[in-house]
Structure formats: structure tokens, C-alpha cells
Amino acid sequence: METQSTLYKEFPLFLKRYFPYKVQKISLNAGFTCPNRDGNKGYGGCTYCNNRTFNPDYCRTEKSIIRQLEEGKLFFAHKYPEMKYLAYFQAYTNTYGELEELKRKYEEALSVDEVVGLVIGTRPDCMPDSLLNYLEELNRHTFLLVEYGIESTDDRTLGRINRGHTFRVTVDAVERTASRGILTGGHVILGLPGETHENLVAQAGVLSRLPIDTLKMHQLQLIRGTRMALEYEQHPEDFHLFGVEEYIDLVVDYIEHLRPDLVLERFVSQSPKELLIAPDWGLKNYEFNHRVQKRMKELGAYQGKKYEI
């Protein structure tokens, strides 16, 4: 029987290298903002962004980090009482602030019982060397993964979505982080306006040349209250929203063009129904993964099959 892990590198198996027990990420909203919202780089944020899409109910800004973690633990503990946790600084830009304030927030999370590491989501233009010096030291004592919102490798796309930085900035941040021995992840959105299947498959090769350890990808989703939703209303012809079968084909092609050792954390994202305009496939993440694996087996596909060094 062929196992999933022969098809692509899975995140749970990656975590097993570091932990002999089950670990679960708990999302946090630590009250950060973005340089793209407060006027430092721009206003209004990225055109696709509504942060309510990735904050669970226990994750509210007015709650302390400790309280959010304790409530998150209660949420998961009934399944696996012996579970340990990673504090996932997820909402907005989690390295954007004064160094002492950042340290206080990270260390507050690590002070909670059964929290065994940090995952820090951020932007490539918000990683000063002074913070990297601190993270390099922290990394000697605890599990640490820094996850960069890359979104696209195409500067035209980055401009169009009001990202506020170029791909060169991403390359620089990823290389500086990885050179410190810190686990480094990336996040991309597949199907941003103007990007075709061919562009995206080429993107897989570009990302594979970066020293990233993990990769998250998900389909473009149109979310209520975003500037992109308004753009779609005015110019729907500029957008290509994938049907589920078409997106499965893209993901399989993308995986085949990725470096074989890159750990793949996810392929889709699920936004709350009340915020999602389109596409609504009605599939849970594990159901989508199952369909990707089935298609890969049918095609004889596997990660790195078409990767060119």
C-alpha cells in the first residue's frame, strides 16, 4: 500500500522530527498591526486581506496571550489529553513593533505550561537584524519557525495587491533568517489576478530555490469587506476563480515542480462562510488533501517529479 508520504512531504511527519509527542498550533492575536495599514508603507492593507478570516473564536485581541493559549488548550485537550502546543502568532505582522515589546509577547507565550515552541507569521519587510539576533538566541532553547507571507514571486502581482514590497525583499529576508539556522516557512496564494497556471507552475521552481523548509499554499478567496471584493464586483473579467477539479490539477502540477524535500503544510484555506464570497467548494482541508492524493496516485505524480535543479 502506497503511503501518503511517498507523494509529498507532510507537515505532521516534519513535526515528528522535533517532537516525540503530538503538537498542535494555537492561533494568537497579539494585537499587532501592519506597516501596510498604519501608513508606514501604505494604508488599507493588502487588497485580499480581512484578518477576521483566520482568527478562531478564542483568539480575540482584548484577551491576554496567556488567556488565549489557555482557552486554545481547552479547545484541543479533549481530543488528546497529552497534547503539547505551539504558540502561533498569526494575525497581522508579528515582528512589527519595538524589540522589547516583541520579546515580552514571545516570552509570555513560552511561559505557558505545555507550550513547546513558537510559530511567528510575518512580512518579509519586517525582519530587522536586531530581531534576528534575538530569534537566533531563542532558537537555541526552543522550537521556532518563522513563516513569511510571500504571496507571489511576481513584482507586478505584488504591486497590484498593494503588498508594499518586492520579491527581492522576500529573498533577502528568507536568506537572512535561514542563515541563522532558524526554520523558515513561506505562504503563497494561488490564483491572484493576472497569474495563470503556467505562471504558478514556474513560481514553484522559483520558491524551490529559496532556503525555505515549509510551504503553505491556498486558493485565492474573495472575502467580504476587502478591496479585492470591490475590484471583483467592478471587473470580474480580471479574475479567474478556480473550480475545485481545476484547482486540484494545479496543485498536483505545482507539487511536481517543487523541490522534493520541501515540507507542504496545506493546499487550501477555509474562510468563515459569512465572510466568503467565492469560491465555495464545501470541502474540509482533509477532504481536499484526500482528493489531491487520489489524483496524484492516478497520475503517478509525486513531489519533485518535474523539479529541475
C-alpha atoms as a PDB file:
ATOM      1  CA  MET A   1       0.000   0.000   0.000  1.00  0.00           C
ATOM      2  CA  GLU A   2       1.460   3.349  -1.038  1.00  0.00           C
ATOM      3  CA  THR A   3       1.658   5.822   1.857  1.00  0.00           C
ATOM      4  CA  GLN A   4       0.830   9.484   1.610  1.00  0.00           C
ATOM      5  CA  SER A   5       4.391  10.423   2.488  1.00  0.00           C
ATOM      6  CA  THR A   6       5.674   8.931  -0.782  1.00  0.00           C
ATOM      7  CA  LEU A   7       3.536  11.508  -2.634  1.00  0.00           C
ATOM      8  CA  TYR A   8       4.654  14.677  -0.844  1.00  0.00           C
ATOM      9  CA  LYS A   9       6.370  15.773   2.354  1.00  0.00           C
ATOM     10  CA  GLU A  10       3.721  16.215   5.035  1.00  0.00           C
ATOM     11  CA  PHE A  11       3.833  18.687   7.926  1.00  0.00           C
ATOM     12  CA  PRO A  12       2.871  16.227  10.726  1.00  0.00           C
ATOM     13  CA  LEU A  13       5.825  13.983   9.766  1.00  0.00           C
ATOM     14  CA  PHE A  14       8.086  17.059   9.773  1.00  0.00           C
ATOM     15  CA  LEU A  15       6.991  17.884  13.343  1.00  0.00           C
ATOM     16  CA  LYS A  16       7.817  14.319  14.405  1.00  0.00           C
ATOM     17  CA  ARG A  17      11.475  15.096  13.727  1.00  0.00           C
ATOM     18  CA  TYR A  18      11.334  17.612  16.581  1.00  0.00           C
ATOM     19  CA  PHE A  19       8.735  16.203  18.980  1.00  0.00           C
ATOM     20  CA  PRO A  20       8.126  12.655  20.214  1.00  0.00           C
ATOM     21  CA  TYR A  21       4.501  13.610  21.059  1.00  0.00           C
ATOM     22  CA  LYS A  22       1.545  15.242  19.316  1.00  0.00           C
ATOM     23  CA  VAL A  23       1.744  19.018  18.931  1.00  0.00           C
ATOM     24  CA  GLN A  24      -0.997  21.414  17.905  1.00  0.00           C
ATOM     25  CA  LYS A  25      -0.719  25.057  16.857  1.00  0.00           C
ATOM     26  CA  ILE A  26      -2.822  27.555  18.804  1.00  0.00           C
ATOM     27  CA  SER A  27      -3.505  30.766  16.869  1.00  0.00           C
ATOM     28  CA  LEU A  28      -2.938  34.038  18.685  1.00  0.00           C
ATOM     29  CA  ASN A  29      -3.932  37.613  18.043  1.00  0.00           C
ATOM     30  CA  ALA A  30      -1.261  39.545  19.938  1.00  0.00           C
ATOM     31  CA  GLY A  31      -2.564  42.986  18.978  1.00  0.00           C
ATOM     32  CA  PHE A  32      -0.129  43.710  16.147  1.00  0.00           C
ATOM     33  CA  THR A  33      -0.830  45.824  13.069  1.00  0.00           C
ATOM     34  CA  CYS A  34       0.961  46.037   9.676  1.00  0.00           C
ATOM     35  CA  PRO A  35       3.190  48.681   8.056  1.00  0.00           C
ATOM     36  CA  ASN A  36       0.736  48.410   5.186  1.00  0.00           C
ATOM     37  CA  ARG A  37      -2.134  49.560   7.399  1.00  0.00           C
ATOM     38  CA  ASP A  38      -0.631  52.173   9.717  1.00  0.00           C
ATOM     39  CA  GLY A  39       0.824  54.380   6.968  1.00  0.00           C
ATOM     40  CA  ASN A  40       4.456  53.276   7.286  1.00  0.00           C
ATOM     41  CA  LYS A  41       4.230  51.518   3.892  1.00  0.00           C
ATOM     42  CA  GLY A  42       0.644  52.265   2.969  1.00  0.00           C
ATOM     43  CA  TYR A  43      -2.963  52.282   4.095  1.00  0.00           C
ATOM     44  CA  GLY A  44      -5.757  49.784   3.758  1.00  0.00           C
ATOM     45  CA  GLY A  45      -3.557  46.678   3.833  1.00  0.00           C
ATOM     46  CA  CYS A  46      -3.230  44.080   1.079  1.00  0.00           C
ATOM     47  CA  THR A  47      -6.271  44.086  -1.196  1.00  0.00           C
ATOM     48  CA  TYR A  48      -7.275  40.479  -0.318  1.00  0.00           C
ATOM     49  CA  CYS A  49      -6.887  40.798   3.459  1.00  0.00           C
ATOM     50  CA  ASN A  50      -9.560  40.625   6.129  1.00  0.00           C
ATOM     51  CA  ASN A  51      -7.902  39.288   9.283  1.00  0.00           C
ATOM     52  CA  ARG A  52     -11.211  38.007  10.651  1.00  0.00           C
ATOM     53  CA  THR A  53     -10.839  35.081   8.248  1.00  0.00           C
ATOM     54  CA  PHE A  54      -8.098  33.444  10.291  1.00  0.00           C
ATOM     55  CA  ASN A  55      -8.934  34.209  13.900  1.00  0.00           C
ATOM     56  CA  PRO A  56     -10.683  31.411  15.788  1.00  0.00           C
ATOM     57  CA  ASP A  57     -13.246  32.343  18.462  1.00  0.00           C
ATOM     58  CA  TYR A  58     -10.761  32.041  21.343  1.00  0.00           C
ATOM     59  CA  CYS A  59      -8.419  34.440  19.558  1.00  0.00           C
ATOM     60  CA  ARG A  60      -9.548  37.980  20.383  1.00  0.00           C
ATOM     61  CA  THR A  61      -7.259  40.988  20.815  1.00  0.00           C
ATOM     62  CA  GLU A  62      -8.680  42.079  24.161  1.00  0.00           C
ATOM     63  CA  LYS A  63      -7.633  38.751  25.714  1.00  0.00           C
ATOM     64  CA  SER A  64      -4.094  38.337  27.029  1.00  0.00           C
ATOM     65  CA  ILE A  65      -1.732  35.958  25.226  1.00  0.00           C
ATOM     66  CA  ILE A  66      -1.822  33.618  28.234  1.00  0.00           C
ATOM     67  CA  ARG A  67      -5.622  33.559  28.247  1.00  0.00           C
ATOM     68  CA  GLN A  68      -5.821  32.887  24.506  1.00  0.00           C
ATOM     69  CA  LEU A  69      -3.393  29.983  24.908  1.00  0.00           C
ATOM     70  CA  GLU A  70      -5.244  28.542  27.909  1.00  0.00           C
ATOM     71  CA  GLU A  71      -8.568  28.729  26.035  1.00  0.00           C
ATOM     72  CA  GLY A  72      -6.944  27.214  22.945  1.00  0.00           C
ATOM     73  CA  LYS A  73      -5.601  24.353  25.067  1.00  0.00           C
ATOM     74  CA  LEU A  74      -9.093  23.680  26.443  1.00  0.00           C
ATOM     75  CA  PHE A  75     -10.416  23.631  22.884  1.00  0.00           C
ATOM     76  CA  PHE A  76      -7.974  20.891  21.812  1.00  0.00           C
ATOM     77  CA  ALA A  77      -7.283  18.961  25.017  1.00  0.00           C
ATOM     78  CA  HIS A  78     -10.427  16.804  24.931  1.00  0.00           C
ATOM     79  CA  LYS A  79      -9.079  15.053  21.813  1.00  0.00           C
ATOM     80  CA  TYR A  80      -5.556  14.372  23.042  1.00  0.00           C
ATOM     81  CA  PRO A  81      -5.044  14.997  26.767  1.00  0.00           C
ATOM     82  CA  GLU A  82      -1.261  14.560  26.429  1.00  0.00           C
ATOM     83  CA  MET A  83      -1.021  17.098  23.584  1.00  0.00           C
ATOM     84  CA  LYS A  84       1.631  19.848  23.613  1.00  0.00           C
ATOM     85  CA  TYR A  85       1.293  23.177  21.832  1.00  0.00           C
ATOM     86  CA  LEU A  86       2.991  25.684  19.566  1.00  0.00           C
ATOM     87  CA  ALA A  87       2.015  29.322  20.087  1.00  0.00           C
ATOM     88  CA  TYR A  88       1.172  30.579  16.592  1.00  0.00           C
ATOM     89  CA  PHE A  89       1.470  34.349  16.280  1.00  0.00           C
ATOM     90  CA  GLN A  90      -0.790  34.550  13.253  1.00  0.00           C
ATOM     91  CA  ALA A  91      -2.872  37.731  12.927  1.00  0.00           C
ATOM     92  CA  TYR A  92      -1.287  40.668  11.061  1.00  0.00           C
ATOM     93  CA  THR A  93       2.512  41.187  11.232  1.00  0.00           C
ATOM     94  CA  ASN A  94       4.001  39.540  14.314  1.00  0.00           C
ATOM     95  CA  THR A  95       7.501  41.016  14.130  1.00  0.00           C
ATOM     96  CA  TYR A  96       6.296  44.582  13.678  1.00  0.00           C
ATOM     97  CA  GLY A  97       6.974  46.502  16.871  1.00  0.00           C
ATOM     98  CA  GLU A  98       9.641  47.564  19.354  1.00  0.00           C
ATOM     99  CA  LEU A  99      12.118  44.776  20.124  1.00  0.00           C
ATOM    100  CA  GLU A 100      11.412  44.764  23.880  1.00  0.00           C
ATOM    101  CA  GLU A 101       7.647  44.546  23.291  1.00  0.00           C
ATOM    102  CA  LEU A 102       8.136  41.654  20.845  1.00  0.00           C
ATOM    103  CA  LYS A 103      10.348  39.760  23.306  1.00  0.00           C
ATOM    104  CA  ARG A 104       7.763  40.239  26.069  1.00  0.00           C
ATOM    105  CA  LYS A 105       4.984  38.767  23.902  1.00  0.00           C
ATOM    106  CA  TYR A 106       7.025  35.778  22.711  1.00  0.00           C
ATOM    107  CA  GLU A 107       8.263  35.013  26.211  1.00  0.00           C
ATOM    108  CA  GLU A 108       4.763  35.364  27.681  1.00  0.00           C
ATOM    109  CA  ALA A 109       3.611  32.648  25.245  1.00  0.00           C
ATOM    110  CA  LEU A 110       6.542  30.387  26.123  1.00  0.00           C
ATOM    111  CA  SER A 111       5.781  30.759  29.860  1.00  0.00           C
ATOM    112  CA  VAL A 112       2.506  28.827  29.448  1.00  0.00           C
ATOM    113  CA  ASP A 113       2.536  25.162  30.528  1.00  0.00           C
ATOM    114  CA  GLU A 114       2.811  22.691  27.631  1.00  0.00           C
ATOM    115  CA  VAL A 115       3.740  25.375  25.085  1.00  0.00           C
ATOM    116  CA  VAL A 116       6.863  23.899  23.485  1.00  0.00           C
ATOM    117  CA  GLY A 117       7.656  26.400  20.738  1.00  0.00           C
ATOM    118  CA  LEU A 118       6.672  29.367  18.588  1.00  0.00           C
ATOM    119  CA  VAL A 119       5.489  29.850  15.031  1.00  0.00           C
ATOM    120  CA  ILE A 120       5.726  33.504  14.010  1.00  0.00           C
ATOM    121  CA  GLY A 121       3.868  34.732  10.926  1.00  0.00           C
ATOM    122  CA  THR A 122       5.186  37.954   9.411  1.00  0.00           C
ATOM    123  CA  ARG A 123       6.046  40.013   6.333  1.00  0.00           C
ATOM    124  CA  PRO A 124       9.461  39.892   4.657  1.00  0.00           C
ATOM    125  CA  ASP A 125       9.906  43.662   5.093  1.00  0.00           C
ATOM    126  CA  CYS A 126       9.542  43.420   8.887  1.00  0.00           C
ATOM    127  CA  MET A 127      12.591  41.426   9.968  1.00  0.00           C
ATOM    128  CA  PRO A 128      15.396  43.680  11.205  1.00  0.00           C
ATOM    129  CA  ASP A 129      18.752  42.128  12.092  1.00  0.00           C
ATOM    130  CA  SER A 130      18.292  43.201  15.731  1.00  0.00           C
ATOM    131  CA  LEU A 131      15.241  40.918  15.968  1.00  0.00           C
ATOM    132  CA  LEU A 132      17.002  38.118  14.096  1.00  0.00           C
ATOM    133  CA  ASN A 133      19.825  38.285  16.673  1.00  0.00           C
ATOM    134  CA  TYR A 134      17.259  37.686  19.426  1.00  0.00           C
ATOM    135  CA  LEU A 135      15.426  34.938  17.479  1.00  0.00           C
ATOM    136  CA  GLU A 136      18.716  33.174  16.755  1.00  0.00           C
ATOM    137  CA  GLU A 137      19.372  33.026  20.512  1.00  0.00           C
ATOM    138  CA  LEU A 138      15.780  31.936  21.260  1.00  0.00           C
ATOM    139  CA  ASN A 139      16.073  29.196  18.630  1.00  0.00           C
ATOM    140  CA  ARG A 140      18.852  27.568  20.677  1.00  0.00           C
ATOM    141  CA  HIS A 141      16.416  26.910  23.523  1.00  0.00           C
ATOM    142  CA  THR A 142      13.032  26.265  21.901  1.00  0.00           C
ATOM    143  CA  PHE A 143      11.355  25.199  18.662  1.00  0.00           C
ATOM    144  CA  LEU A 144      10.962  28.197  16.347  1.00  0.00           C
ATOM    145  CA  LEU A 145       9.514  28.528  12.848  1.00  0.00           C
ATOM    146  CA  VAL A 146       9.323  31.927  11.128  1.00  0.00           C
ATOM    147  CA  GLU A 147       6.691  31.964   8.395  1.00  0.00           C
ATOM    148  CA  TYR A 148       6.832  34.673   5.730  1.00  0.00           C
ATOM    149  CA  GLY A 149       3.868  35.848   3.689  1.00  0.00           C
ATOM    150  CA  ILE A 150       5.416  35.607   0.221  1.00  0.00           C
ATOM    151  CA  GLU A 151       2.037  35.535  -1.614  1.00  0.00           C
ATOM    152  CA  SER A 152       3.629  35.834  -5.091  1.00  0.00           C
ATOM    153  CA  THR A 153       7.065  35.848  -6.709  1.00  0.00           C
ATOM    154  CA  ASP A 154       5.921  38.330  -9.395  1.00  0.00           C
ATOM    155  CA  ASP A 155       6.515  42.021  -8.674  1.00  0.00           C
ATOM    156  CA  ARG A 156       3.606  43.063 -10.912  1.00  0.00           C
ATOM    157  CA  THR A 157       1.250  40.958  -8.800  1.00  0.00           C
ATOM    158  CA  LEU A 158       2.747  42.257  -5.552  1.00  0.00           C
ATOM    159  CA  GLY A 159       2.141  45.810  -6.785  1.00  0.00           C
ATOM    160  CA  ARG A 160      -1.390  45.039  -7.833  1.00  0.00           C
ATOM    161  CA  ILE A 161      -2.368  43.588  -4.443  1.00  0.00           C
ATOM    162  CA  ASN A 162      -0.805  46.567  -2.607  1.00  0.00           C
ATOM    163  CA  ARG A 163       1.727  44.325  -0.894  1.00  0.00           C
ATOM    164  CA  GLY A 164       4.194  47.144  -0.268  1.00  0.00           C
ATOM    165  CA  HIS A 165       7.411  45.262  -1.085  1.00  0.00           C
ATOM    166  CA  THR A 166       9.098  43.422  -3.958  1.00  0.00           C
ATOM    167  CA  PHE A 167      10.080  39.762  -4.271  1.00  0.00           C
ATOM    168  CA  ARG A 168      13.734  40.798  -3.811  1.00  0.00           C
ATOM    169  CA  VAL A 169      12.810  41.832  -0.235  1.00  0.00           C
ATOM    170  CA  THR A 170      11.369  38.350   0.323  1.00  0.00           C
ATOM    171  CA  VAL A 171      14.528  36.649  -0.938  1.00  0.00           C
ATOM    172  CA  ASP A 172      16.659  38.809   1.367  1.00  0.00           C
ATOM    173  CA  ALA A 173      14.533  38.134   4.476  1.00  0.00           C
ATOM    174  CA  VAL A 174      14.338  34.386   3.854  1.00  0.00           C
ATOM    175  CA  GLU A 175      18.081  34.103   3.240  1.00  0.00           C
ATOM    176  CA  ARG A 176      18.968  36.146   6.358  1.00  0.00           C
ATOM    177  CA  THR A 177      16.617  34.055   8.517  1.00  0.00           C
ATOM    178  CA  ALA A 178      17.695  30.655   7.207  1.00  0.00           C
ATOM    179  CA  SER A 179      21.387  31.634   7.523  1.00  0.00           C
ATOM    180  CA  ARG A 180      20.842  31.933  11.307  1.00  0.00           C
ATOM    181  CA  GLY A 181      19.762  28.289  11.471  1.00  0.00           C
ATOM    182  CA  ILE A 182      16.114  29.261  12.049  1.00  0.00           C
ATOM    183  CA  LEU A 183      13.419  27.119  10.412  1.00  0.00           C
ATOM    184  CA  THR A 184      11.845  29.257   7.693  1.00  0.00           C
ATOM    185  CA  GLY A 185       8.451  28.870   6.049  1.00  0.00           C
ATOM    186  CA  GLY A 186       6.612  30.547   3.198  1.00  0.00           C
ATOM    187  CA  HIS A 187       2.983  31.215   2.346  1.00  0.00           C
ATOM    188  CA  VAL A 188       1.618  31.808  -1.166  1.00  0.00           C
ATOM    189  CA  ILE A 189      -1.814  32.482  -2.654  1.00  0.00           C
ATOM    190  CA  LEU A 190      -2.547  30.641  -5.902  1.00  0.00           C
ATOM    191  CA  GLY A 191      -4.726  32.443  -8.440  1.00  0.00           C
ATOM    192  CA  LEU A 192      -4.077  36.129  -7.732  1.00  0.00           C
ATOM    193  CA  PRO A 193      -5.308  38.405 -10.570  1.00  0.00           C
ATOM    194  CA  GLY A 194      -3.206  38.093 -13.717  1.00  0.00           C
ATOM    195  CA  GLU A 195      -1.441  34.853 -12.727  1.00  0.00           C
ATOM    196  CA  THR A 196      -2.011  31.827 -14.962  1.00  0.00           C
ATOM    197  CA  HIS A 197      -1.491  28.094 -14.426  1.00  0.00           C
ATOM    198  CA  GLU A 198       1.852  28.401 -16.292  1.00  0.00           C
ATOM    199  CA  ASN A 199       2.993  31.359 -14.138  1.00  0.00           C
ATOM    200  CA  LEU A 200       2.178  29.437 -10.984  1.00  0.00           C
ATOM    201  CA  VAL A 201       3.989  26.265 -12.016  1.00  0.00           C
ATOM    202  CA  ALA A 202       7.036  28.436 -12.782  1.00  0.00           C
ATOM    203  CA  GLN A 203       6.620  30.015  -9.319  1.00  0.00           C
ATOM    204  CA  ALA A 204       7.055  26.565  -7.748  1.00  0.00           C
ATOM    205  CA  GLY A 205      10.555  26.393  -9.245  1.00  0.00           C
ATOM    206  CA  VAL A 206      11.436  29.905  -8.045  1.00  0.00           C
ATOM    207  CA  LEU A 207      10.292  29.140  -4.482  1.00  0.00           C
ATOM    208  CA  SER A 208      12.225  25.874  -4.503  1.00  0.00           C
ATOM    209  CA  ARG A 209      15.466  27.794  -4.904  1.00  0.00           C
ATOM    210  CA  LEU A 210      14.812  29.700  -1.656  1.00  0.00           C
ATOM    211  CA  PRO A 211      16.140  28.184   1.598  1.00  0.00           C
ATOM    212  CA  ILE A 212      12.634  27.599   2.973  1.00  0.00           C
ATOM    213  CA  ASP A 213      11.779  24.478   4.968  1.00  0.00           C
ATOM    214  CA  THR A 214       7.973  24.624   4.798  1.00  0.00           C
ATOM    215  CA  LEU A 215       5.375  25.947   2.377  1.00  0.00           C
ATOM    216  CA  LYS A 216       1.684  26.760   2.753  1.00  0.00           C
ATOM    217  CA  MET A 217      -0.400  27.475  -0.305  1.00  0.00           C
ATOM    218  CA  HIS A 218      -4.057  28.222  -0.720  1.00  0.00           C
ATOM    219  CA  GLN A 219      -6.559  29.237  -3.341  1.00  0.00           C
ATOM    220  CA  LEU A 220      -7.474  32.874  -3.874  1.00  0.00           C
ATOM    221  CA  GLN A 221     -10.652  33.581  -1.914  1.00  0.00           C
ATOM    222  CA  LEU A 222     -12.754  36.697  -2.278  1.00  0.00           C
ATOM    223  CA  ILE A 223     -13.650  37.970   1.183  1.00  0.00           C
ATOM    224  CA  ARG A 224     -16.347  40.463   2.094  1.00  0.00           C
ATOM    225  CA  GLY A 225     -15.115  43.869   3.149  1.00  0.00           C
ATOM    226  CA  THR A 226     -11.847  43.724   1.177  1.00  0.00           C
ATOM    227  CA  ARG A 227     -10.707  45.987  -1.618  1.00  0.00           C
ATOM    228  CA  MET A 228     -10.326  42.924  -3.842  1.00  0.00           C
ATOM    229  CA  ALA A 229     -14.025  42.090  -3.400  1.00  0.00           C
ATOM    230  CA  LEU A 230     -14.829  45.556  -4.737  1.00  0.00           C
ATOM    231  CA  GLU A 231     -12.410  45.093  -7.667  1.00  0.00           C
ATOM    232  CA  TYR A 232     -14.120  41.792  -8.476  1.00  0.00           C
ATOM    233  CA  GLU A 233     -17.534  43.457  -8.422  1.00  0.00           C
ATOM    234  CA  GLN A 234     -16.320  46.137 -10.847  1.00  0.00           C
ATOM    235  CA  HIS A 235     -14.108  43.969 -13.107  1.00  0.00           C
ATOM    236  CA  PRO A 236     -14.931  40.248 -12.740  1.00  0.00           C
ATOM    237  CA  GLU A 237     -13.130  39.607 -16.055  1.00  0.00           C
ATOM    238  CA  ASP A 238      -9.790  40.300 -14.300  1.00  0.00           C
ATOM    239  CA  PHE A 239     -10.240  37.294 -12.022  1.00  0.00           C
ATOM    240  CA  HIS A 240     -10.060  33.563 -12.544  1.00  0.00           C
ATOM    241  CA  LEU A 241     -11.656  31.710  -9.641  1.00  0.00           C
ATOM    242  CA  PHE A 242     -10.770  28.024  -9.769  1.00  0.00           C
ATOM    243  CA  GLY A 243     -13.300  25.240  -9.816  1.00  0.00           C
ATOM    244  CA  VAL A 244     -12.285  22.507  -7.405  1.00  0.00           C
ATOM    245  CA  GLU A 245     -11.159  19.975 -10.064  1.00  0.00           C
ATOM    246  CA  GLU A 246      -9.154  22.620 -11.890  1.00  0.00           C
ATOM    247  CA  TYR A 247      -7.500  23.687  -8.647  1.00  0.00           C
ATOM    248  CA  ILE A 248      -6.640  20.051  -7.789  1.00  0.00           C
ATOM    249  CA  ASP A 249      -4.926  19.779 -11.190  1.00  0.00           C
ATOM    250  CA  LEU A 250      -2.974  22.964 -10.494  1.00  0.00           C
ATOM    251  CA  VAL A 251      -1.900  21.778  -7.033  1.00  0.00           C
ATOM    252  CA  VAL A 252      -0.696  18.427  -8.398  1.00  0.00           C
ATOM    253  CA  ASP A 253       1.285  20.162 -11.159  1.00  0.00           C
ATOM    254  CA  TYR A 254       2.694  22.643  -8.614  1.00  0.00           C
ATOM    255  CA  ILE A 255       3.759  19.844  -6.241  1.00  0.00           C
ATOM    256  CA  GLU A 256       5.536  18.024  -9.077  1.00  0.00           C
ATOM    257  CA  HIS A 257       7.606  21.151  -9.779  1.00  0.00           C
ATOM    258  CA  LEU A 258       8.607  21.708  -6.123  1.00  0.00           C
ATOM    259  CA  ARG A 259      11.907  20.711  -4.521  1.00  0.00           C
ATOM    260  CA  PRO A 260      11.427  17.155  -3.183  1.00  0.00           C
ATOM    261  CA  ASP A 261      12.381  17.943   0.440  1.00  0.00           C
ATOM    262  CA  LEU A 262      10.139  20.997   0.904  1.00  0.00           C
ATOM    263  CA  VAL A 263       7.537  20.290   3.617  1.00  0.00           C
ATOM    264  CA  LEU A 264       3.986  21.086   2.467  1.00  0.00           C
ATOM    265  CA  GLU A 265       1.718  22.279   5.234  1.00  0.00           C
ATOM    266  CA  ARG A 266      -1.514  22.853   3.334  1.00  0.00           C
ATOM    267  CA  PHE A 267      -3.098  23.397  -0.082  1.00  0.00           C
ATOM    268  CA  VAL A 268      -6.375  25.147   0.747  1.00  0.00           C
ATOM    269  CA  SER A 269      -7.814  27.588   3.234  1.00  0.00           C
ATOM    270  CA  GLN A 270     -11.326  27.736   4.614  1.00  0.00           C
ATOM    271  CA  SER A 271     -12.718  31.178   5.392  1.00  0.00           C
ATOM    272  CA  PRO A 272     -15.826  31.622   7.544  1.00  0.00           C
ATOM    273  CA  LYS A 273     -18.961  31.172   5.419  1.00  0.00           C
ATOM    274  CA  GLU A 274     -20.353  34.569   6.398  1.00  0.00           C
ATOM    275  CA  LEU A 275     -17.224  36.290   5.000  1.00  0.00           C
ATOM    276  CA  LEU A 276     -16.604  34.182   1.886  1.00  0.00           C
ATOM    277  CA  ILE A 277     -17.894  35.415  -1.479  1.00  0.00           C
ATOM    278  CA  ALA A 278     -16.199  32.778  -3.690  1.00  0.00           C
ATOM    279  CA  PRO A 279     -15.145  30.095  -4.408  1.00  0.00           C
ATOM    280  CA  ASP A 280     -17.183  27.947  -2.015  1.00  0.00           C
ATOM    281  CA  TRP A 281     -16.309  24.291  -2.625  1.00  0.00           C
ATOM    282  CA  GLY A 282     -17.806  22.932   0.596  1.00  0.00           C
ATOM    283  CA  LEU A 283     -14.704  20.798   1.250  1.00  0.00           C
ATOM    284  CA  LYS A 284     -12.814  20.449   4.509  1.00  0.00           C
ATOM    285  CA  ASN A 285      -8.989  20.552   4.305  1.00  0.00           C
ATOM    286  CA  TYR A 286      -8.589  16.809   4.920  1.00  0.00           C
ATOM    287  CA  GLU A 287     -11.172  16.050   2.192  1.00  0.00           C
ATOM    288  CA  PHE A 288      -9.268  18.202  -0.265  1.00  0.00           C
ATOM    289  CA  ASN A 289      -5.956  16.545   0.683  1.00  0.00           C
ATOM    290  CA  HIS A 290      -7.524  13.138   0.122  1.00  0.00           C
ATOM    291  CA  ARG A 291      -8.618  14.173  -3.390  1.00  0.00           C
ATOM    292  CA  VAL A 292      -5.148  15.534  -4.207  1.00  0.00           C
ATOM    293  CA  GLN A 293      -3.562  12.262  -3.073  1.00  0.00           C
ATOM    294  CA  LYS A 294      -6.065  10.246  -5.117  1.00  0.00           C
ATOM    295  CA  ARG A 295      -5.326  12.325  -8.247  1.00  0.00           C
ATOM    296  CA  MET A 296      -1.566  12.012  -7.694  1.00  0.00           C
ATOM    297  CA  LYS A 297      -1.838   8.228  -7.469  1.00  0.00           C
ATOM    298  CA  GLU A 298      -3.920   8.104 -10.644  1.00  0.00           C
ATOM    299  CA  LEU A 299      -1.317  10.175 -12.497  1.00  0.00           C
ATOM    300  CA  GLY A 300       1.782   8.559 -10.958  1.00  0.00           C
ATOM    301  CA  ALA A 301       2.682  12.035  -9.670  1.00  0.00           C
ATOM    302  CA  TYR A 302       4.929  12.790  -6.707  1.00  0.00           C
ATOM    303  CA  GLN A 303       6.639  15.828  -5.250  1.00  0.00           C
ATOM    304  CA  GLY A 304       9.699  16.878  -7.241  1.00  0.00           C
ATOM    305  CA  LYS A 305       8.924  14.656 -10.232  1.00  0.00           C
ATOM    306  CA  LYS A 306       9.358  17.634 -12.608  1.00  0.00           C
ATOM    307  CA  TYR A 307      11.665  19.705 -10.432  1.00  0.00           C
ATOM    308  CA  GLU A 308      14.724  20.970 -12.250  1.00  0.00           C
ATOM    309  CA  ILE A 309      17.759  21.873 -10.166  1.00  0.00           C
END
